[in-house]
Amino acid sequence: MWRYLKSAFLVRVEVPALGHLPANVLLAAAFVILGIAQPAFWLLGLAVEVTLVFSLAFNPRFQNYVRSLELKASQDGDEQKRNELFQTIPPESRQRIADLAAKCSRVLDVYRSQQAEDYVIDSNRDALNRLQWTYLKLLVARAHLTSTNHTDSEQSLQSKIGELERDLQQPNQPDSLRESKAATLAIFKKRMQNLQKSGQTLEEVDSDLTRIEAQVDLLLESASIQGKPQTIASDIELASDLLGMGVFGEDEQAVSHLDRKYSPAKAQQDAS
C-alpha cells in the first residue's frame, strides 16, 4: 500500500504551457507557505492532502495505473540489462543473434499471415523471446570463455607436469625442494583441469548455439509448410550446464536476474 500512497502524493497532472507538474506536492507547498502567515492553513492543508492522497491511493483504477508503470519500469530495466550484455559480446556474435532474431520475426510474420489467434501469436512470441535469451546467454558465456588468458597450452602444461614428475622421482633431494616441486606440480595439475574444463564447456556452448539455430530454422520451415499455426516450445535441454560455473564473470548478476525473468520454471525453483 505504501507504493500507492507515495505514487498518489507524487502524481503529476498536465498543465497547459507548463507540462506535467506534481499537483499534490505543489498544493502541500502552498499550504505550508500560507501557514506561515496563518497556522490554521497547516491543519487545513493536512486534511486536504490526506483526503486527496488516500482517496486516490485506494482507487482501483489508480492502483492498476501504478502497477502498469511499475511493470513498464521493470521491463525497461530488463531491456537495458539485456542490451548491456549484448554490448559485451564480439561483433560476429552480435551478428549471429541479429540473424536469429530476424528469423524469429519471420516465424511470427508467417503465423500472422495465417491469421493465427492472438493468444497463439503472443504465446509463440514469448517462447521465441526465451529462445533468444538462451542464445544470448550462451554467447555471453562463450565470450568469457574465449577471453580467458591461458598463458600455457595444454601441451605446454603437460610437458611441465611430466618434467616435475620425473624430478620428484629423483632420489637424494632436499625435503624443502621436494615439497616446493610437489606444490608446483599440484598447481600445474589444477591449471590443466581448468583448461580442459574450459575447452569442454566451450565445445558444449558451441553445440547448444548450433542446436538453437537449427531449431529456429525448423520452426520457420514448419510454419511455412504446414499452413497451420503451431504452439512453439521454448524449453531446451542444454548440453552446457552453465549454472553455478562462474563463466559469466562480472555479468553473473545480470544473467541471473534475466534468467528469472525468461525462465519461469527456474524462478519458481529458486523461490521454493
C-alpha atoms as a PDB file:
ATOM      1  CA  MET A   1       0.000   0.000   0.000  1.00  0.00           C
ATOM      2  CA  TRP A   2       2.921   2.342   0.669  1.00  0.00           C
ATOM      3  CA  ARG A   3       3.774   2.490  -3.018  1.00  0.00           C
ATOM      4  CA  TYR A   4       0.218   3.590  -3.874  1.00  0.00           C
ATOM      5  CA  LEU A   5       0.320   6.341  -1.235  1.00  0.00           C
ATOM      6  CA  LYS A   6       3.691   7.521  -2.466  1.00  0.00           C
ATOM      7  CA  SER A   7       2.541   7.488  -6.091  1.00  0.00           C
ATOM      8  CA  ALA A   8      -0.673   9.331  -5.176  1.00  0.00           C
ATOM      9  CA  PHE A   9       1.279  12.091  -3.428  1.00  0.00           C
ATOM     10  CA  LEU A  10       3.726  12.437  -6.309  1.00  0.00           C
ATOM     11  CA  VAL A  11       1.131  12.094  -9.083  1.00  0.00           C
ATOM     12  CA  ARG A  12       1.622  14.557 -11.932  1.00  0.00           C
ATOM     13  CA  VAL A  13      -1.080  16.357 -13.896  1.00  0.00           C
ATOM     14  CA  GLU A  14      -0.869  18.041 -17.267  1.00  0.00           C
ATOM     15  CA  VAL A  15      -0.842  21.849 -17.001  1.00  0.00           C
ATOM     16  CA  PRO A  16      -1.057  23.818 -20.266  1.00  0.00           C
ATOM     17  CA  ALA A  17       2.218  25.561 -21.154  1.00  0.00           C
ATOM     18  CA  LEU A  18       3.865  24.111 -18.035  1.00  0.00           C
ATOM     19  CA  GLY A  19       3.843  20.381 -18.716  1.00  0.00           C
ATOM     20  CA  HIS A  20       3.374  17.656 -16.106  1.00  0.00           C
ATOM     21  CA  LEU A  21       3.561  19.011 -12.560  1.00  0.00           C
ATOM     22  CA  PRO A  22       3.329  17.213  -9.171  1.00  0.00           C
ATOM     23  CA  ALA A  23      -0.041  18.644  -8.112  1.00  0.00           C
ATOM     24  CA  ASN A  24      -0.120  17.349  -4.532  1.00  0.00           C
ATOM     25  CA  VAL A  25       3.455  18.398  -3.862  1.00  0.00           C
ATOM     26  CA  LEU A  26       2.741  21.931  -5.098  1.00  0.00           C
ATOM     27  CA  LEU A  27      -0.525  22.074  -3.140  1.00  0.00           C
ATOM     28  CA  ALA A  28       1.220  20.956   0.048  1.00  0.00           C
ATOM     29  CA  ALA A  29       3.933  23.559  -0.519  1.00  0.00           C
ATOM     30  CA  ALA A  30       1.280  26.253  -0.970  1.00  0.00           C
ATOM     31  CA  PHE A  31      -0.399  25.328   2.340  1.00  0.00           C
ATOM     32  CA  VAL A  32       2.981  25.399   4.100  1.00  0.00           C
ATOM     33  CA  ILE A  33       3.646  28.910   2.804  1.00  0.00           C
ATOM     34  CA  LEU A  34       0.136  30.116   3.744  1.00  0.00           C
ATOM     35  CA  GLY A  35       0.529  28.563   7.184  1.00  0.00           C
ATOM     36  CA  ILE A  36       3.467  30.823   7.922  1.00  0.00           C
ATOM     37  CA  ALA A  37       1.044  33.744   7.933  1.00  0.00           C
ATOM     38  CA  GLN A  38      -1.888  31.809   9.365  1.00  0.00           C
ATOM     39  CA  PRO A  39      -1.101  28.438  11.095  1.00  0.00           C
ATOM     40  CA  ALA A  40      -4.676  27.278  10.569  1.00  0.00           C
ATOM     41  CA  PHE A  41      -3.784  26.656   6.935  1.00  0.00           C
ATOM     42  CA  TRP A  42      -1.425  23.883   8.067  1.00  0.00           C
ATOM     43  CA  LEU A  43      -4.286  21.884   9.569  1.00  0.00           C
ATOM     44  CA  LEU A  44      -6.464  22.606   6.559  1.00  0.00           C
ATOM     45  CA  GLY A  45      -3.674  21.557   4.192  1.00  0.00           C
ATOM     46  CA  LEU A  46      -3.080  18.349   6.137  1.00  0.00           C
ATOM     47  CA  ALA A  47      -6.765  17.453   5.967  1.00  0.00           C
ATOM     48  CA  VAL A  48      -6.954  18.214   2.245  1.00  0.00           C
ATOM     49  CA  GLU A  49      -3.803  16.261   1.407  1.00  0.00           C
ATOM     50  CA  VAL A  50      -4.800  13.216   3.487  1.00  0.00           C
ATOM     51  CA  THR A  51      -8.211  13.158   1.820  1.00  0.00           C
ATOM     52  CA  LEU A  52      -6.808  13.541  -1.699  1.00  0.00           C
ATOM     53  CA  VAL A  53      -3.913  11.131  -1.309  1.00  0.00           C
ATOM     54  CA  PHE A  54      -5.860   8.359   0.431  1.00  0.00           C
ATOM     55  CA  SER A  55      -8.856   8.595  -1.904  1.00  0.00           C
ATOM     56  CA  LEU A  56      -6.527   8.325  -4.888  1.00  0.00           C
ATOM     57  CA  ALA A  57      -4.328   5.590  -3.392  1.00  0.00           C
ATOM     58  CA  PHE A  58      -7.326   3.326  -2.660  1.00  0.00           C
ATOM     59  CA  ASN A  59      -8.840   3.837  -6.102  1.00  0.00           C
ATOM     60  CA  PRO A  60      -8.638   0.527  -8.069  1.00  0.00           C
ATOM     61  CA  ARG A  61      -8.076   2.294 -11.379  1.00  0.00           C
ATOM     62  CA  PHE A  62      -5.195   4.298  -9.925  1.00  0.00           C
ATOM     63  CA  GLN A  63      -3.689   1.126  -8.432  1.00  0.00           C
ATOM     64  CA  ASN A  64      -3.840  -0.524 -11.855  1.00  0.00           C
ATOM     65  CA  TYR A  65      -2.154   2.542 -13.310  1.00  0.00           C
ATOM     66  CA  VAL A  66       0.653   2.343 -10.724  1.00  0.00           C
ATOM     67  CA  ARG A  67       1.161  -1.366 -11.390  1.00  0.00           C
ATOM     68  CA  SER A  68       1.360  -0.720 -15.124  1.00  0.00           C
ATOM     69  CA  LEU A  69       4.030   1.946 -14.552  1.00  0.00           C
ATOM     70  CA  GLU A  70       5.998  -0.434 -12.315  1.00  0.00           C
ATOM     71  CA  LEU A  71       5.759  -3.188 -14.926  1.00  0.00           C
ATOM     72  CA  LYS A  72       6.973  -0.841 -17.651  1.00  0.00           C
ATOM     73  CA  ALA A  73       9.865   0.326 -15.466  1.00  0.00           C
ATOM     74  CA  SER A  74      10.798  -3.293 -14.768  1.00  0.00           C
ATOM     75  CA  GLN A  75      10.648  -4.173 -18.463  1.00  0.00           C
ATOM     76  CA  ASP A  76      12.737  -1.113 -19.356  1.00  0.00           C
ATOM     77  CA  GLY A  77      15.304  -2.148 -16.756  1.00  0.00           C
ATOM     78  CA  ASP A  78      15.394  -5.701 -18.077  1.00  0.00           C
ATOM     79  CA  GLU A  79      15.811  -4.462 -21.627  1.00  0.00           C
ATOM     80  CA  GLN A  80      18.679  -2.224 -20.537  1.00  0.00           C
ATOM     81  CA  LYS A  81      20.421  -5.163 -18.833  1.00  0.00           C
ATOM     82  CA  ARG A  82      19.920  -7.260 -21.951  1.00  0.00           C
ATOM     83  CA  ASN A  83      21.361  -4.511 -24.158  1.00  0.00           C
ATOM     84  CA  GLU A  84      24.354  -4.176 -21.843  1.00  0.00           C
ATOM     85  CA  LEU A  85      25.012  -7.912 -22.156  1.00  0.00           C
ATOM     86  CA  PHE A  86      24.647  -7.593 -25.921  1.00  0.00           C
ATOM     87  CA  GLN A  87      27.407  -4.979 -25.928  1.00  0.00           C
ATOM     88  CA  THR A  88      29.801  -7.344 -24.120  1.00  0.00           C
ATOM     89  CA  ILE A  89      29.897  -9.912 -26.937  1.00  0.00           C
ATOM     90  CA  PRO A  90      32.108  -9.521 -30.036  1.00  0.00           C
ATOM     91  CA  PRO A  91      30.698  -8.136 -33.316  1.00  0.00           C
ATOM     92  CA  GLU A  92      30.428 -11.546 -35.005  1.00  0.00           C
ATOM     93  CA  SER A  93      28.315 -12.815 -32.089  1.00  0.00           C
ATOM     94  CA  ARG A  94      26.081  -9.743 -32.316  1.00  0.00           C
ATOM     95  CA  GLN A  95      25.509 -10.548 -35.978  1.00  0.00           C
ATOM     96  CA  ARG A  96      24.620 -14.143 -35.095  1.00  0.00           C
ATOM     97  CA  ILE A  97      21.951 -13.069 -32.622  1.00  0.00           C
ATOM     98  CA  ALA A  98      20.654 -10.426 -35.052  1.00  0.00           C
ATOM     99  CA  ASP A  99      20.243 -13.134 -37.701  1.00  0.00           C
ATOM    100  CA  LEU A 100      18.428 -15.367 -35.209  1.00  0.00           C
ATOM    101  CA  ALA A 101      16.118 -12.513 -34.167  1.00  0.00           C
ATOM    102  CA  ALA A 102      15.285 -11.837 -37.830  1.00  0.00           C
ATOM    103  CA  LYS A 103      14.279 -15.478 -38.333  1.00  0.00           C
ATOM    104  CA  CYS A 104      12.133 -15.389 -35.187  1.00  0.00           C
ATOM    105  CA  SER A 105      10.353 -12.304 -36.534  1.00  0.00           C
ATOM    106  CA  ARG A 106       9.729 -14.109 -39.819  1.00  0.00           C
ATOM    107  CA  VAL A 107       8.172 -17.031 -37.935  1.00  0.00           C
ATOM    108  CA  LEU A 108       5.709 -14.659 -36.278  1.00  0.00           C
ATOM    109  CA  ASP A 109       5.031 -12.936 -39.620  1.00  0.00           C
ATOM    110  CA  VAL A 110       4.115 -16.299 -41.143  1.00  0.00           C
ATOM    111  CA  TYR A 111       1.714 -17.003 -38.264  1.00  0.00           C
ATOM    112  CA  ARG A 112       0.113 -13.592 -38.700  1.00  0.00           C
ATOM    113  CA  SER A 113      -0.335 -14.249 -42.421  1.00  0.00           C
ATOM    114  CA  GLN A 114      -2.107 -17.462 -41.450  1.00  0.00           C
ATOM    115  CA  GLN A 115      -4.472 -15.387 -39.286  1.00  0.00           C
ATOM    116  CA  ALA A 116      -3.470 -17.166 -36.102  1.00  0.00           C
ATOM    117  CA  GLU A 117      -5.287 -16.312 -32.894  1.00  0.00           C
ATOM    118  CA  ASP A 118      -3.768 -13.502 -30.833  1.00  0.00           C
ATOM    119  CA  TYR A 119      -3.085 -15.790 -27.882  1.00  0.00           C
ATOM    120  CA  VAL A 120      -1.152 -18.176 -30.154  1.00  0.00           C
ATOM    121  CA  ILE A 121       0.996 -15.339 -31.508  1.00  0.00           C
ATOM    122  CA  ASP A 122       1.567 -13.924 -28.013  1.00  0.00           C
ATOM    123  CA  SER A 123       2.491 -17.335 -26.629  1.00  0.00           C
ATOM    124  CA  ASN A 124       4.871 -18.021 -29.502  1.00  0.00           C
ATOM    125  CA  ARG A 125       6.419 -14.568 -29.200  1.00  0.00           C
ATOM    126  CA  ASP A 126       7.188 -15.278 -25.534  1.00  0.00           C
ATOM    127  CA  ALA A 127       8.642 -18.676 -26.428  1.00  0.00           C
ATOM    128  CA  LEU A 128      10.861 -17.178 -29.129  1.00  0.00           C
ATOM    129  CA  ASN A 129      11.992 -14.436 -26.748  1.00  0.00           C
ATOM    130  CA  ARG A 130      13.069 -17.107 -24.270  1.00  0.00           C
ATOM    131  CA  LEU A 131      14.976 -18.925 -27.010  1.00  0.00           C
ATOM    132  CA  GLN A 132      16.710 -15.692 -27.979  1.00  0.00           C
ATOM    133  CA  TRP A 133      17.601 -15.056 -24.337  1.00  0.00           C
ATOM    134  CA  THR A 134      19.123 -18.533 -24.027  1.00  0.00           C
ATOM    135  CA  TYR A 135      21.063 -17.859 -27.232  1.00  0.00           C
ATOM    136  CA  LEU A 136      22.372 -14.529 -25.914  1.00  0.00           C
ATOM    137  CA  LYS A 137      23.301 -16.129 -22.586  1.00  0.00           C
ATOM    138  CA  LEU A 138      25.318 -18.773 -24.407  1.00  0.00           C
ATOM    139  CA  LEU A 139      27.079 -16.105 -26.470  1.00  0.00           C
ATOM    140  CA  VAL A 140      27.952 -14.174 -23.293  1.00  0.00           C
ATOM    141  CA  ALA A 141      29.365 -17.361 -21.771  1.00  0.00           C
ATOM    142  CA  ARG A 142      31.317 -18.036 -24.953  1.00  0.00           C
ATOM    143  CA  ALA A 143      32.772 -14.524 -24.923  1.00  0.00           C
ATOM    144  CA  HIS A 144      34.017 -15.007 -21.364  1.00  0.00           C
ATOM    145  CA  LEU A 145      35.400 -18.477 -22.070  1.00  0.00           C
ATOM    146  CA  THR A 146      37.333 -17.331 -25.137  1.00  0.00           C
ATOM    147  CA  SER A 147      38.628 -14.152 -23.480  1.00  0.00           C
ATOM    148  CA  THR A 148      40.237 -16.039 -20.592  1.00  0.00           C
ATOM    149  CA  ASN A 149      44.003 -15.719 -20.735  1.00  0.00           C
ATOM    150  CA  HIS A 150      45.653 -19.136 -20.817  1.00  0.00           C
ATOM    151  CA  THR A 151      49.352 -18.418 -20.716  1.00  0.00           C
ATOM    152  CA  ASP A 152      50.135 -22.081 -21.413  1.00  0.00           C
ATOM    153  CA  SER A 153      48.639 -24.540 -23.869  1.00  0.00           C
ATOM    154  CA  GLU A 154      47.517 -27.998 -22.788  1.00  0.00           C
ATOM    155  CA  GLN A 155      50.624 -29.470 -24.431  1.00  0.00           C
ATOM    156  CA  SER A 156      52.897 -26.999 -22.619  1.00  0.00           C
ATOM    157  CA  LEU A 157      51.303 -27.751 -19.248  1.00  0.00           C
ATOM    158  CA  GLN A 158      51.543 -31.499 -19.840  1.00  0.00           C
ATOM    159  CA  SER A 159      55.231 -31.098 -20.596  1.00  0.00           C
ATOM    160  CA  LYS A 160      55.821 -29.174 -17.354  1.00  0.00           C
ATOM    161  CA  ILE A 161      53.847 -31.734 -15.358  1.00  0.00           C
ATOM    162  CA  GLY A 162      55.889 -34.586 -16.840  1.00  0.00           C
ATOM    163  CA  GLU A 163      59.140 -32.795 -16.086  1.00  0.00           C
ATOM    164  CA  LEU A 164      58.170 -32.199 -12.443  1.00  0.00           C
ATOM    165  CA  GLU A 165      57.011 -35.793 -12.005  1.00  0.00           C
ATOM    166  CA  ARG A 166      60.382 -37.014 -13.284  1.00  0.00           C
ATOM    167  CA  ASP A 167      62.215 -34.620 -10.969  1.00  0.00           C
ATOM    168  CA  LEU A 168      60.262 -35.888  -7.976  1.00  0.00           C
ATOM    169  CA  GLN A 169      61.359 -39.440  -8.749  1.00  0.00           C
ATOM    170  CA  GLN A 170      64.996 -38.426  -8.381  1.00  0.00           C
ATOM    171  CA  PRO A 171      66.486 -39.557  -5.043  1.00  0.00           C
ATOM    172  CA  ASN A 172      68.564 -37.563  -2.576  1.00  0.00           C
ATOM    173  CA  GLN A 173      66.664 -34.276  -2.974  1.00  0.00           C
ATOM    174  CA  PRO A 174      66.321 -31.921  -0.002  1.00  0.00           C
ATOM    175  CA  ASP A 175      62.894 -32.135   1.608  1.00  0.00           C
ATOM    176  CA  SER A 176      62.269 -28.407   1.103  1.00  0.00           C
ATOM    177  CA  LEU A 177      62.985 -28.679  -2.630  1.00  0.00           C
ATOM    178  CA  ARG A 178      60.811 -31.793  -2.965  1.00  0.00           C
ATOM    179  CA  GLU A 179      57.923 -30.072  -1.156  1.00  0.00           C
ATOM    180  CA  SER A 180      58.238 -26.996  -3.373  1.00  0.00           C
ATOM    181  CA  LYS A 181      58.200 -29.081  -6.553  1.00  0.00           C
ATOM    182  CA  ALA A 182      55.253 -31.142  -5.287  1.00  0.00           C
ATOM    183  CA  ALA A 183      53.276 -27.953  -4.598  1.00  0.00           C
ATOM    184  CA  THR A 184      54.151 -26.616  -8.061  1.00  0.00           C
ATOM    185  CA  LEU A 185      53.056 -29.908  -9.598  1.00  0.00           C
ATOM    186  CA  ALA A 186      49.675 -29.677  -7.836  1.00  0.00           C
ATOM    187  CA  ILE A 187      49.220 -26.162  -9.224  1.00  0.00           C
ATOM    188  CA  PHE A 188      50.023 -27.254 -12.774  1.00  0.00           C
ATOM    189  CA  LYS A 189      47.588 -30.178 -12.498  1.00  0.00           C
ATOM    190  CA  LYS A 190      44.850 -27.850 -11.290  1.00  0.00           C
ATOM    191  CA  ARG A 191      45.557 -25.489 -14.191  1.00  0.00           C
ATOM    192  CA  MET A 192      45.343 -28.446 -16.565  1.00  0.00           C
ATOM    193  CA  GLN A 193      41.941 -29.387 -15.133  1.00  0.00           C
ATOM    194  CA  ASN A 194      40.705 -25.808 -15.553  1.00  0.00           C
ATOM    195  CA  LEU A 195      41.990 -25.665 -19.127  1.00  0.00           C
ATOM    196  CA  GLN A 196      40.360 -28.970 -20.055  1.00  0.00           C
ATOM    197  CA  LYS A 197      37.088 -27.999 -18.371  1.00  0.00           C
ATOM    198  CA  SER A 198      37.061 -24.651 -20.163  1.00  0.00           C
ATOM    199  CA  GLY A 199      37.632 -26.335 -23.519  1.00  0.00           C
ATOM    200  CA  GLN A 200      34.884 -28.884 -22.893  1.00  0.00           C
ATOM    201  CA  THR A 201      32.419 -26.182 -21.832  1.00  0.00           C
ATOM    202  CA  LEU A 202      33.254 -24.144 -24.927  1.00  0.00           C
ATOM    203  CA  GLU A 203      32.508 -27.152 -27.150  1.00  0.00           C
ATOM    204  CA  GLU A 204      29.190 -27.672 -25.360  1.00  0.00           C
ATOM    205  CA  VAL A 205      28.270 -23.993 -25.746  1.00  0.00           C
ATOM    206  CA  ASP A 206      29.015 -24.093 -29.483  1.00  0.00           C
ATOM    207  CA  SER A 207      26.887 -27.239 -29.800  1.00  0.00           C
ATOM    208  CA  ASP A 208      23.985 -25.573 -27.978  1.00  0.00           C
ATOM    209  CA  LEU A 209      24.234 -22.470 -30.166  1.00  0.00           C
ATOM    210  CA  THR A 210      24.081 -24.613 -33.300  1.00  0.00           C
ATOM    211  CA  ARG A 211      21.134 -26.535 -31.884  1.00  0.00           C
ATOM    212  CA  ILE A 212      19.114 -23.361 -31.231  1.00  0.00           C
ATOM    213  CA  GLU A 213      19.881 -22.070 -34.731  1.00  0.00           C
ATOM    214  CA  ALA A 214      18.704 -25.374 -36.203  1.00  0.00           C
ATOM    215  CA  GLN A 215      15.576 -25.315 -34.062  1.00  0.00           C
ATOM    216  CA  VAL A 216      14.612 -21.827 -35.233  1.00  0.00           C
ATOM    217  CA  ASP A 217      15.279 -22.853 -38.859  1.00  0.00           C
ATOM    218  CA  LEU A 218      12.967 -25.829 -38.328  1.00  0.00           C
ATOM    219  CA  LEU A 219      10.292 -23.595 -36.808  1.00  0.00           C
ATOM    220  CA  LEU A 220      10.440 -21.280 -39.820  1.00  0.00           C
ATOM    221  CA  GLU A 221      10.246 -24.173 -42.284  1.00  0.00           C
ATOM    222  CA  SER A 222       7.389 -25.830 -40.396  1.00  0.00           C
ATOM    223  CA  ALA A 223       5.444 -22.579 -40.143  1.00  0.00           C
ATOM    224  CA  SER A 224       5.760 -22.051 -43.909  1.00  0.00           C
ATOM    225  CA  ILE A 225       4.953 -25.626 -44.926  1.00  0.00           C
ATOM    226  CA  GLN A 226       2.268 -26.782 -42.522  1.00  0.00           C
ATOM    227  CA  GLY A 227      -0.033 -23.830 -43.125  1.00  0.00           C
ATOM    228  CA  LYS A 228      -1.403 -24.140 -39.606  1.00  0.00           C
ATOM    229  CA  PRO A 229      -0.012 -22.198 -36.621  1.00  0.00           C
ATOM    230  CA  GLN A 230       1.666 -24.405 -34.033  1.00  0.00           C
ATOM    231  CA  THR A 231       2.483 -23.700 -30.407  1.00  0.00           C
ATOM    232  CA  ILE A 232       6.230 -23.270 -30.001  1.00  0.00           C
ATOM    233  CA  ALA A 233       8.004 -24.958 -27.113  1.00  0.00           C
ATOM    234  CA  SER A 234      10.910 -22.913 -25.739  1.00  0.00           C
ATOM    235  CA  ASP A 235      12.187 -25.465 -23.238  1.00  0.00           C
ATOM    236  CA  ILE A 236      15.508 -26.740 -24.488  1.00  0.00           C
ATOM    237  CA  GLU A 237      17.840 -29.071 -22.611  1.00  0.00           C
ATOM    238  CA  LEU A 238      21.318 -27.640 -22.983  1.00  0.00           C
ATOM    239  CA  ALA A 239      24.465 -29.719 -23.192  1.00  0.00           C
ATOM    240  CA  SER A 240      26.282 -26.942 -21.335  1.00  0.00           C
ATOM    241  CA  ASP A 241      25.162 -26.615 -17.723  1.00  0.00           C
ATOM    242  CA  LEU A 242      26.202 -23.006 -17.162  1.00  0.00           C
ATOM    243  CA  LEU A 243      24.565 -22.526 -13.768  1.00  0.00           C
ATOM    244  CA  GLY A 244      26.985 -22.091 -10.904  1.00  0.00           C
ATOM    245  CA  MET A 245      30.035 -22.393 -13.153  1.00  0.00           C
ATOM    246  CA  GLY A 246      31.122 -18.768 -12.906  1.00  0.00           C
ATOM    247  CA  VAL A 247      31.535 -18.497 -16.675  1.00  0.00           C
ATOM    248  CA  PHE A 248      29.808 -15.113 -16.866  1.00  0.00           C
ATOM    249  CA  GLY A 249      32.363 -13.193 -14.813  1.00  0.00           C
ATOM    250  CA  GLU A 250      31.177  -9.717 -13.870  1.00  0.00           C
ATOM    251  CA  ASP A 251      27.962 -10.325 -15.848  1.00  0.00           C
ATOM    252  CA  GLU A 252      26.870 -13.118 -13.482  1.00  0.00           C
ATOM    253  CA  GLN A 253      24.371 -10.949 -11.581  1.00  0.00           C
ATOM    254  CA  ALA A 254      22.710  -9.551 -14.712  1.00  0.00           C
ATOM    255  CA  VAL A 255      22.449 -13.039 -16.244  1.00  0.00           C
ATOM    256  CA  SER A 256      20.888 -14.451 -13.055  1.00  0.00           C
ATOM    257  CA  HIS A 257      18.350 -11.608 -12.944  1.00  0.00           C
ATOM    258  CA  LEU A 258      17.290 -12.075 -16.555  1.00  0.00           C
ATOM    259  CA  ASP A 259      17.242 -15.861 -16.129  1.00  0.00           C
ATOM    260  CA  ARG A 260      14.481 -15.468 -13.545  1.00  0.00           C
ATOM    261  CA  LYS A 261      12.515 -13.315 -15.991  1.00  0.00           C
ATOM    262  CA  TYR A 262      12.848 -15.534 -19.044  1.00  0.00           C
ATOM    263  CA  SER A 263      12.839 -18.885 -17.212  1.00  0.00           C
ATOM    264  CA  PRO A 264       9.681 -19.040 -15.062  1.00  0.00           C
ATOM    265  CA  ALA A 265      10.426 -22.636 -14.030  1.00  0.00           C
ATOM    266  CA  LYS A 266      13.810 -21.614 -12.672  1.00  0.00           C
ATOM    267  CA  ALA A 267      12.285 -18.645 -10.852  1.00  0.00           C
ATOM    268  CA  GLN A 268       9.821 -20.959  -9.116  1.00  0.00           C
ATOM    269  CA  GLN A 269      12.626 -23.364  -8.252  1.00  0.00           C
ATOM    270  CA  ASP A 270      14.704 -20.555  -6.725  1.00  0.00           C
ATOM    271  CA  ALA A 271      11.715 -19.350  -4.720  1.00  0.00           C
ATOM    272  CA  SER A 272      10.999 -22.813  -3.279  1.00  0.00           C
END
